[in-house]
Amino acid sequence: MSEGSNVGGTDLGRRIAEQRARTGLSREDAAALAGMAPDYLAYLETNPTPDPSRGALARLAAALGTTPDALSGAGLAAPPGQHGAEEHAALEVLTQEECWAYIRPGGVGRFLYNADRGPVAVPVNYATLLDTVIFRTDDRTAAAGSVSQPRVSFDVDHIDDVLSEGWSVLVSGSATIITRPDDRRAVAELNIEPWPGGERNAFVRLTSEEITGRRIRLRAVR
């Protein structure tokens, strides 16, 4: 990771930090070129909710040899993969610790199981608890009925089309519906709120037996 960044940072902060690394500029040098204080640039790179003005973003983009749209991620509404591959991309294998670091904040992933039609991937909101993945579903859905399968998986990924970077993590193991009252109270505190709404009273726990991941990063060009 670049100076001052982490897997939990925003896309804007990560783009700024990684573009700065590719240009070979220190935070102090980049800030000087952009006419801003180094502490403010550090804020943009690391704060969970950076909110630069258009002028500040334009000056910073010029200092880093790119555009404001590239730093802010304009065009994210398009399907991923439109930007194409970059010449200096590198594929990295993630360690187990890195895999968990990427998915531990929770969000949206895909529950993978076998159905009559073949393999199925269902997007769900999820959270993590220790080395398990927890999500909610309607107890009448096929996803809830699939927990009896001996092997299921859960996929989480993220693609930054502007930078042609991304990562994916695959958790495989066994799933169960949580029924014990104490366990249900514990996972209820995770505050998993399914975007589709509805009751969705079945809490599913996927216990990891194997977790793997890959990441595409752009190498710095000096």
Protein backbone atom coordinates (compact mmCIF):
# COMPACT_ATOMS: atom_id res chain seq x y z
CA MET A 1 0.00 0.00 0.00
CA SER A 2 1.02 3.57 -0.58
CA GLU A 3 2.10 5.91 2.16
CA GLY A 4 -0.76 6.75 4.47
CA SER A 5 -3.30 4.48 2.73
CA ASN A 6 -5.07 1.34 3.85
CA VAL A 7 -7.59 -1.11 2.50
CA GLY A 8 -10.37 0.69 4.33
CA GLY A 9 -9.68 4.07 2.71
CA THR A 10 -11.82 5.72 0.06
CA ASP A 11 -11.33 5.23 -3.67
CA LEU A 12 -10.51 8.93 -4.02
CA GLY A 13 -7.78 8.76 -1.38
CA ARG A 14 -6.35 5.58 -2.85
CA ARG A 15 -6.30 7.01 -6.38
CA ILE A 16 -4.50 10.12 -5.17
CA ALA A 17 -1.92 8.13 -3.19
CA GLU A 18 -1.27 5.63 -5.96
CA GLN A 19 -1.04 8.27 -8.70
CA ARG A 20 1.40 10.15 -6.51
CA ALA A 21 3.47 6.98 -6.05
CA ARG A 22 3.54 6.39 -9.82
CA THR A 23 4.88 9.91 -10.40
CA GLY A 24 7.56 9.37 -7.75
CA LEU A 25 6.51 12.42 -5.76
CA SER A 26 6.62 12.61 -1.99
CA ARG A 27 3.55 13.95 -0.24
CA GLU A 28 5.40 17.20 0.47
CA ASP A 29 6.49 17.66 -3.17
CA ALA A 30 3.03 16.87 -4.54
CA ALA A 31 1.41 19.27 -2.09
CA ALA A 32 3.83 22.04 -3.07
CA LEU A 33 3.08 21.57 -6.77
CA ALA A 34 -0.66 21.62 -6.05
CA GLY A 35 -0.42 24.71 -3.84
CA MET A 36 -1.75 22.99 -0.73
CA ALA A 37 -0.42 22.03 2.68
CA PRO A 38 1.04 18.52 3.10
CA ASP A 39 -1.37 17.94 6.00
CA TYR A 40 -4.31 18.67 3.70
CA LEU A 41 -3.01 16.20 1.11
CA ALA A 42 -2.62 13.64 3.90
CA TYR A 43 -6.26 14.30 4.82
CA LEU A 44 -7.36 13.70 1.23
CA GLU A 45 -5.44 10.42 1.06
CA THR A 46 -6.48 8.95 4.39
CA ASN A 47 -9.73 10.51 5.62
CA PRO A 48 -12.83 8.25 5.33
CA THR A 49 -14.87 11.11 3.82
CA PRO A 50 -12.56 13.51 1.94
CA ASP A 51 -14.39 16.38 0.26
CA PRO A 52 -11.99 18.51 -1.78
CA SER A 53 -13.20 21.55 -3.66
CA ARG A 54 -13.22 21.38 -7.45
CA GLY A 55 -10.33 23.82 -7.55
CA ALA A 56 -8.21 21.77 -5.13
CA LEU A 57 -8.91 18.57 -7.06
CA ALA A 58 -8.03 20.27 -10.35
CA ARG A 59 -4.72 21.62 -8.99
CA LEU A 60 -3.84 18.24 -7.48
CA ALA A 61 -4.67 16.39 -10.70
CA ALA A 62 -2.43 18.78 -12.68
CA ALA A 63 0.40 18.27 -10.19
CA LEU A 64 0.08 14.50 -10.52
CA GLY A 65 -0.12 14.53 -14.31
CA THR A 66 -3.71 13.30 -14.54
CA THR A 67 -7.27 14.66 -14.64
CA PRO A 68 -9.87 15.42 -11.96
CA ASP A 69 -12.18 12.81 -13.51
CA ALA A 70 -9.49 10.13 -13.19
CA LEU A 71 -8.95 10.93 -9.51
CA SER A 72 -12.65 11.17 -8.65
CA GLY A 73 -13.67 8.05 -10.59
CA ALA A 74 -16.01 9.61 -13.13
CA GLY A 75 -17.82 7.05 -15.24
CA LEU A 76 -18.33 4.52 -12.45
CA ALA A 77 -21.93 4.01 -13.58
CA ALA A 78 -20.70 2.11 -16.64
CA PRO A 79 -20.19 -1.68 -16.44
CA PRO A 80 -16.70 -2.49 -15.10
CA GLY A 81 -13.89 -3.32 -17.46
CA GLN A 82 -14.51 -0.57 -20.02
CA HIS A 83 -11.19 1.16 -19.47
CA GLY A 84 -9.04 -1.77 -20.60
CA ALA A 85 -5.84 -3.27 -19.24
CA GLU A 86 -2.83 -1.17 -18.31
CA GLU A 87 0.68 -1.95 -19.53
CA HIS A 88 2.18 -1.79 -16.04
CA ALA A 89 -0.41 -3.90 -14.21
CA ALA A 90 0.72 -6.70 -11.90
CA LEU A 91 -1.35 -9.61 -10.57
CA GLU A 92 -0.69 -10.35 -6.89
CA VAL A 93 -1.83 -13.27 -4.76
CA LEU A 94 -3.29 -12.12 -1.45
CA THR A 95 -2.41 -13.72 1.86
CA GLN A 96 -5.22 -14.94 4.12
CA GLU A 97 -4.71 -11.90 6.34
CA GLU A 98 -4.98 -9.55 3.35
CA CYS A 99 -8.12 -11.34 2.15
CA TRP A 100 -9.85 -10.86 5.50
CA ALA A 101 -8.68 -7.24 5.67
CA TYR A 102 -10.41 -6.50 2.37
CA ILE A 103 -13.75 -8.12 3.19
CA ARG A 104 -13.95 -7.58 6.95
CA PRO A 105 -15.64 -4.14 6.70
CA GLY A 106 -18.69 -5.83 5.15
CA GLY A 107 -20.86 -4.56 2.34
CA VAL A 108 -22.20 -6.46 -0.68
CA GLY A 109 -20.93 -9.83 -1.86
CA ARG A 110 -22.24 -12.85 -3.77
CA PHE A 111 -23.37 -16.13 -2.20
CA LEU A 112 -22.44 -19.01 -4.53
CA TYR A 113 -24.25 -22.35 -4.53
CA ASN A 114 -25.52 -25.03 -6.91
CA ALA A 115 -29.11 -24.98 -8.14
CA ASP A 116 -31.07 -26.94 -10.74
CA ARG A 117 -29.94 -24.47 -13.39
CA GLY A 118 -26.29 -24.85 -12.34
CA PRO A 119 -24.02 -22.61 -10.24
CA VAL A 120 -25.82 -19.50 -8.97
CA ALA A 121 -24.44 -16.25 -7.51
CA VAL A 122 -26.83 -14.19 -5.38
CA PRO A 123 -25.81 -10.65 -4.30
CA VAL A 124 -26.44 -10.05 -0.60
CA ASN A 125 -25.46 -7.58 2.09
CA TYR A 126 -23.06 -9.18 4.54
CA ALA A 127 -20.92 -8.68 7.62
CA THR A 128 -18.08 -10.72 9.12
CA LEU A 129 -17.77 -12.18 12.58
CA LEU A 130 -14.38 -13.68 13.42
CA ASP A 131 -13.64 -16.03 10.48
CA THR A 132 -17.25 -16.31 9.30
CA VAL A 133 -19.41 -14.45 6.81
CA ILE A 134 -22.94 -13.57 7.92
CA PHE A 135 -25.79 -12.51 5.63
CA ARG A 136 -29.58 -12.28 5.77
CA THR A 137 -32.09 -13.74 3.36
CA ASP A 138 -35.73 -14.75 3.20
CA ASP A 139 -36.09 -18.23 4.66
CA ARG A 140 -38.23 -19.18 1.63
CA THR A 141 -35.50 -18.47 -0.93
CA ALA A 142 -33.35 -21.03 -2.73
CA ALA A 143 -30.31 -19.47 -1.06
CA ALA A 144 -31.69 -20.40 2.35
CA GLY A 145 -32.45 -23.92 1.15
CA SER A 146 -28.94 -24.35 -0.24
CA VAL A 147 -27.21 -24.24 3.14
CA SER A 148 -27.44 -28.04 3.38
CA GLN A 149 -24.97 -28.35 0.51
CA PRO A 150 -21.58 -29.64 1.67
CA ARG A 151 -19.66 -26.82 -0.01
CA VAL A 152 -20.70 -23.26 -0.80
CA SER A 153 -18.73 -20.07 -1.42
CA PHE A 154 -18.90 -16.32 -0.99
CA ASP A 155 -17.28 -13.82 -3.34
CA VAL A 156 -16.45 -10.18 -2.70
CA ASP A 157 -14.67 -8.00 -5.24
CA HIS A 158 -14.05 -4.42 -6.22
CA ILE A 159 -13.01 -2.95 -9.56
CA ASP A 160 -11.63 0.54 -10.08
CA ASP A 161 -12.22 1.03 -13.79
CA VAL A 162 -10.49 4.40 -13.83
CA LEU A 163 -7.16 2.96 -12.71
CA SER A 164 -7.70 -0.55 -14.18
CA GLU A 165 -7.11 -1.98 -10.71
CA GLY A 166 -9.15 -4.32 -8.57
CA TRP A 167 -9.26 -7.22 -6.15
CA SER A 168 -11.37 -10.31 -5.52
CA VAL A 169 -11.69 -12.63 -2.53
CA LEU A 170 -13.35 -16.05 -2.47
CA VAL A 171 -14.40 -17.71 0.79
CA SER A 172 -15.37 -21.39 0.62
CA GLY A 173 -16.77 -23.59 3.35
CA SER A 174 -20.05 -24.75 4.89
CA ALA A 175 -23.16 -22.71 5.65
CA THR A 176 -25.83 -23.00 8.31
CA ILE A 177 -28.92 -21.04 9.24
CA ILE A 178 -28.49 -19.52 12.69
CA THR A 179 -31.30 -20.69 14.98
CA ARG A 180 -30.06 -20.44 18.56
CA PRO A 181 -31.56 -17.34 20.25
CA ASP A 182 -28.21 -16.22 21.71
CA ASP A 183 -26.51 -16.52 18.33
CA ARG A 184 -29.33 -14.67 16.57
CA ARG A 185 -29.07 -11.82 19.06
CA ALA A 186 -25.31 -11.64 18.47
CA VAL A 187 -25.58 -11.43 14.68
CA ALA A 188 -28.52 -9.00 14.93
CA GLU A 189 -26.07 -6.57 16.52
CA LEU A 190 -24.10 -6.59 13.25
CA ASN A 191 -26.90 -4.43 11.79
CA ILE A 192 -26.98 -6.10 8.39
CA GLU A 193 -29.60 -4.17 6.40
CA PRO A 194 -30.51 -5.84 3.08
CA TRP A 195 -30.96 -3.24 0.36
CA PRO A 196 -34.01 -5.02 -1.16
CA GLY A 197 -35.87 -4.57 2.11
CA GLY A 198 -38.48 -7.00 3.37
CA GLU A 199 -38.40 -9.27 6.39
CA ARG A 200 -35.45 -11.55 5.43
CA ASN A 201 -35.43 -13.23 8.80
CA ALA A 202 -32.97 -16.03 7.99
CA PHE A 203 -29.42 -15.34 9.16
CA VAL A 204 -26.89 -17.50 7.31
CA ARG A 205 -23.41 -18.17 8.63
CA LEU A 206 -20.69 -19.32 6.22
CA THR A 207 -17.77 -20.82 8.10
CA SER A 208 -14.53 -20.42 6.18
CA GLU A 209 -12.53 -23.52 5.31
CA GLU A 210 -10.51 -21.79 2.60
CA ILE A 211 -10.04 -18.15 1.64
CA THR A 212 -8.09 -16.98 -1.40
CA GLY A 213 -7.75 -13.71 -3.23
CA ARG A 214 -6.00 -11.82 -5.99
CA ARG A 215 -5.31 -8.17 -6.61
CA ILE A 216 -4.38 -6.23 -9.73
CA ARG A 217 -2.21 -3.23 -8.99
CA LEU A 218 -0.35 -0.79 -11.19
CA ARG A 219 3.40 -0.68 -10.73
CA ALA A 220 5.04 2.67 -10.18
CA VAL A 221 6.80 3.97 -13.28
CA ARG A 222 9.94 5.93 -12.48
